[in-house]
Each structure stands twice: as C-alpha cells, then as structure tokens.
C-alpha cells in the first residue's frame, strides 16, 4: 500500500468533508484522531485486495509449515483452506508452493493471478485424489493420443 499522501485532523471532517472523501477516492488518506491515532481511508477495492493478499499469505504460510514436516506426519487440516493440496505428490506440492509464492508477490504488485492458480491446482488435486484416474495414466500422458469425436452417421 502506498503511504498516505493526505493527512487530515478529525476536526477537518466538519469543514473539509468533501475534500477528504475526494482524497480518499484517489488513494490512501490518513485521518488523525484527537488522541493521535491514525485512521486510514482508502477505496474499498484496495481494502478487498489487501484482505485477499492477507488471506492467501496465511494459507501460504500454513502450506509452507506443512511441507517442513515429513509426509507421514502431515494431516489434511495442516493445509488449512488449501486442504486440496494434501492430494498432490511431493513434486507437485513443491511446484504449487513455488507458483503460489510467485502469485503472492505478483498480487502485492497489483497483478492478481491467485484465484486462477488455485483453481488450476484444485483441479489437479481432484484428479490426483481419483486413484483409478491416476492408475489409468500409468507412465504418463505420453502414451495416450487424443481421441476424436466420431462423425455422426447419416441414416
């Protein structure tokens, strides 16, 4: 968050209300209370972005903490809101952690790719939790070819 450019006193609210609101619409604005406490005014979308980053950062820390323990000692609950990650292999978990870290850094810079990343990894985890689907892969996707939809037969 950029530092507050505009700083007002709470006594300014009576006479400069419109100016204060306009300043807050442009960016972070500080309102100093009589006891010296600072109150930040900022656009709601910025508050929501910061809250989202905070929530994802907490999930990332839980993931990182879980990965510091050997796999047999991990519980699904250790992953918190990212419990889907428990279904991933160790290599996938490490890749997910690296990608989540990069997405968090980008989110702090204003580029939010975290939701798309999480959706992709949730789909991967859903697949990995299906033992039959994983077994069907055998050695991987290289052995499979794309099947074309049969053309409709004319009657």
Protein backbone atom coordinates (compact mmCIF):
# COMPACT_ATOMS: atom_id res chain seq x y z
CA UNK A 1 0.00 0.00 0.00
CA UNK A 2 1.37 3.40 -0.87
CA UNK A 3 1.84 5.73 2.08
CA UNK A 4 -0.90 8.24 2.80
CA UNK A 5 -0.37 11.39 0.79
CA UNK A 6 -3.11 13.35 2.50
CA UNK A 7 -3.26 13.74 6.28
CA UNK A 8 -6.22 15.40 7.94
CA UNK A 9 -7.29 16.06 11.51
CA UNK A 10 -10.63 14.72 12.71
CA UNK A 11 -11.68 18.34 13.25
CA UNK A 12 -11.36 18.79 9.45
CA UNK A 13 -14.35 16.50 8.91
CA UNK A 14 -16.84 19.28 9.61
CA UNK A 15 -15.47 21.82 7.15
CA UNK A 16 -13.48 19.73 4.61
CA UNK A 17 -15.61 16.58 4.34
CA UNK A 18 -15.85 16.65 0.53
CA UNK A 19 -12.09 17.25 0.14
CA UNK A 20 -11.33 14.34 2.48
CA UNK A 21 -13.66 11.98 0.59
CA UNK A 22 -12.17 13.00 -2.75
CA UNK A 23 -8.64 12.49 -1.42
CA UNK A 24 -9.58 9.01 -0.16
CA UNK A 25 -11.04 8.14 -3.57
CA UNK A 26 -7.67 8.95 -5.15
CA UNK A 27 -5.67 6.87 -2.67
CA UNK A 28 -4.83 6.21 0.95
CA UNK A 29 -5.69 9.15 3.19
CA UNK A 30 -4.92 9.45 6.87
CA UNK A 31 -7.29 10.93 9.41
CA UNK A 32 -5.62 11.77 12.72
CA UNK A 33 -7.89 11.48 15.78
CA UNK A 34 -7.61 13.82 18.79
CA UNK A 35 -5.72 11.15 20.76
CA UNK A 36 -3.17 10.77 17.93
CA UNK A 37 -4.46 7.53 16.43
CA UNK A 38 -4.31 7.35 12.63
CA UNK A 39 -7.31 6.08 10.69
CA UNK A 40 -6.75 5.08 7.08
CA UNK A 41 -9.32 5.87 4.41
CA UNK A 42 -8.92 4.10 1.10
CA UNK A 43 -11.03 2.81 -1.77
CA UNK A 44 -12.95 -0.36 -0.89
CA UNK A 45 -11.43 -2.28 -3.80
CA UNK A 46 -7.97 -1.63 -2.32
CA UNK A 47 -9.09 -2.88 1.10
CA UNK A 48 -10.51 -6.03 -0.52
CA UNK A 49 -7.26 -6.60 -2.45
CA UNK A 50 -5.21 -6.24 0.73
CA UNK A 51 -7.55 -8.57 2.63
CA UNK A 52 -7.29 -11.16 -0.13
CA UNK A 53 -3.48 -10.97 -0.09
CA UNK A 54 -3.52 -11.37 3.70
CA UNK A 55 -5.78 -14.44 3.48
CA UNK A 56 -3.68 -16.06 0.76
CA UNK A 57 -0.46 -15.26 2.63
CA UNK A 58 -1.80 -17.04 5.72
CA UNK A 59 -2.71 -20.07 3.59
CA UNK A 60 0.76 -20.00 2.03
CA UNK A 61 2.39 -19.97 5.48
CA UNK A 62 0.29 -22.96 6.52
CA UNK A 63 1.30 -24.79 3.33
CA UNK A 64 4.95 -23.97 3.90
CA UNK A 65 4.73 -25.11 7.51
CA UNK A 66 3.08 -28.40 6.49
CA UNK A 67 5.79 -29.05 3.90
CA UNK A 68 8.51 -28.73 6.54
CA UNK A 69 7.26 -31.97 8.13
CA UNK A 70 7.71 -35.43 6.65
CA UNK A 71 4.67 -36.54 4.64
CA UNK A 72 3.59 -39.24 7.15
CA UNK A 73 3.33 -36.54 9.86
CA UNK A 74 1.10 -34.23 7.81
CA UNK A 75 -2.66 -34.04 8.27
CA UNK A 76 -5.12 -32.60 5.78
CA UNK A 77 -6.02 -29.94 8.38
CA UNK A 78 -2.39 -28.74 8.32
CA UNK A 79 -3.09 -27.23 4.90
CA UNK A 80 -5.99 -25.09 6.15
CA UNK A 81 -8.09 -23.62 3.35
CA UNK A 82 -5.75 -25.22 0.86
CA UNK A 83 -6.58 -28.74 2.11
CA UNK A 84 -6.85 -29.89 -1.51
CA UNK A 85 -3.03 -29.78 -1.61
CA UNK A 86 -2.83 -32.91 0.56
CA UNK A 87 -3.76 -34.95 -2.54
CA UNK A 88 -0.73 -33.72 -4.50
CA UNK A 89 2.56 -35.59 -4.87
CA UNK A 90 5.71 -34.16 -3.27
CA UNK A 91 6.91 -32.79 -6.61
CA UNK A 92 3.52 -31.22 -7.25
CA UNK A 93 3.45 -29.74 -3.74
CA UNK A 94 6.82 -28.12 -4.27
CA UNK A 95 5.73 -26.76 -7.64
CA UNK A 96 2.48 -25.49 -6.12
CA UNK A 97 4.39 -23.77 -3.30
CA UNK A 98 6.72 -22.07 -5.79
CA UNK A 99 3.84 -20.94 -8.01
CA UNK A 100 1.80 -19.72 -5.02
CA UNK A 101 4.80 -17.74 -3.80
CA UNK A 102 5.20 -16.09 -7.21
CA UNK A 103 1.46 -15.35 -7.40
CA UNK A 104 1.55 -13.71 -3.96
CA UNK A 105 4.45 -11.49 -5.00
CA UNK A 106 2.57 -10.50 -8.17
CA UNK A 107 -0.60 -9.84 -6.14
CA UNK A 108 1.36 -7.42 -3.96
CA UNK A 109 2.33 -5.63 -7.17
CA UNK A 110 -1.28 -5.36 -8.27
CA UNK A 111 -1.49 -8.41 -10.58
CA UNK A 112 -3.89 -10.91 -9.05
CA UNK A 113 -3.45 -14.38 -10.52
CA UNK A 114 -4.00 -16.26 -7.27
CA UNK A 115 -7.61 -17.36 -7.89
CA UNK A 116 -6.76 -18.79 -11.32
CA UNK A 117 -3.72 -20.57 -9.88
CA UNK A 118 -5.77 -22.08 -7.05
CA UNK A 119 -8.50 -23.23 -9.46
CA UNK A 120 -5.89 -24.99 -11.62
CA UNK A 121 -4.28 -26.71 -8.65
CA UNK A 122 -7.67 -27.70 -7.19
CA UNK A 123 -8.43 -29.46 -10.49
CA UNK A 124 -5.06 -31.21 -10.38
CA UNK A 125 -5.66 -32.29 -6.77
CA UNK A 126 -9.15 -33.57 -7.65
CA UNK A 127 -7.61 -35.68 -10.40
CA UNK A 128 -4.82 -36.91 -8.12
CA UNK A 129 -7.34 -38.00 -5.49
CA UNK A 130 -9.02 -40.28 -8.04
CA UNK A 131 -6.93 -43.45 -7.76
CA UNK A 132 -8.49 -45.02 -10.85
CA UNK A 133 -7.68 -41.99 -12.99
CA UNK A 134 -4.09 -41.85 -11.73
CA UNK A 135 -3.67 -45.60 -12.28
CA UNK A 136 -5.03 -45.26 -15.81
CA UNK A 137 -2.22 -42.86 -16.63
CA UNK A 138 0.40 -45.47 -15.91
CA UNK A 139 3.60 -43.91 -17.20
CA UNK A 140 2.00 -40.61 -18.05
CA UNK A 141 0.14 -38.79 -20.72
CA UNK A 142 2.78 -39.52 -23.38
CA UNK A 143 1.30 -42.98 -24.03
CA UNK A 144 -2.11 -41.54 -24.85
CA UNK A 145 -3.39 -39.94 -28.00
CA UNK A 146 -6.30 -37.56 -28.31
CA UNK A 147 -9.49 -39.27 -29.36
CA UNK A 148 -11.54 -37.51 -31.98
CA UNK A 149 -15.32 -37.37 -31.66
CA UNK A 150 -16.84 -39.80 -34.16
CA UNK A 151 -18.65 -38.14 -37.01
CA UNK A 152 -22.36 -38.60 -36.92
CA UNK A 153 -23.53 -41.32 -39.23
CA UNK A 154 -26.17 -40.49 -41.77
CA UNK A 155 -29.33 -42.61 -41.59
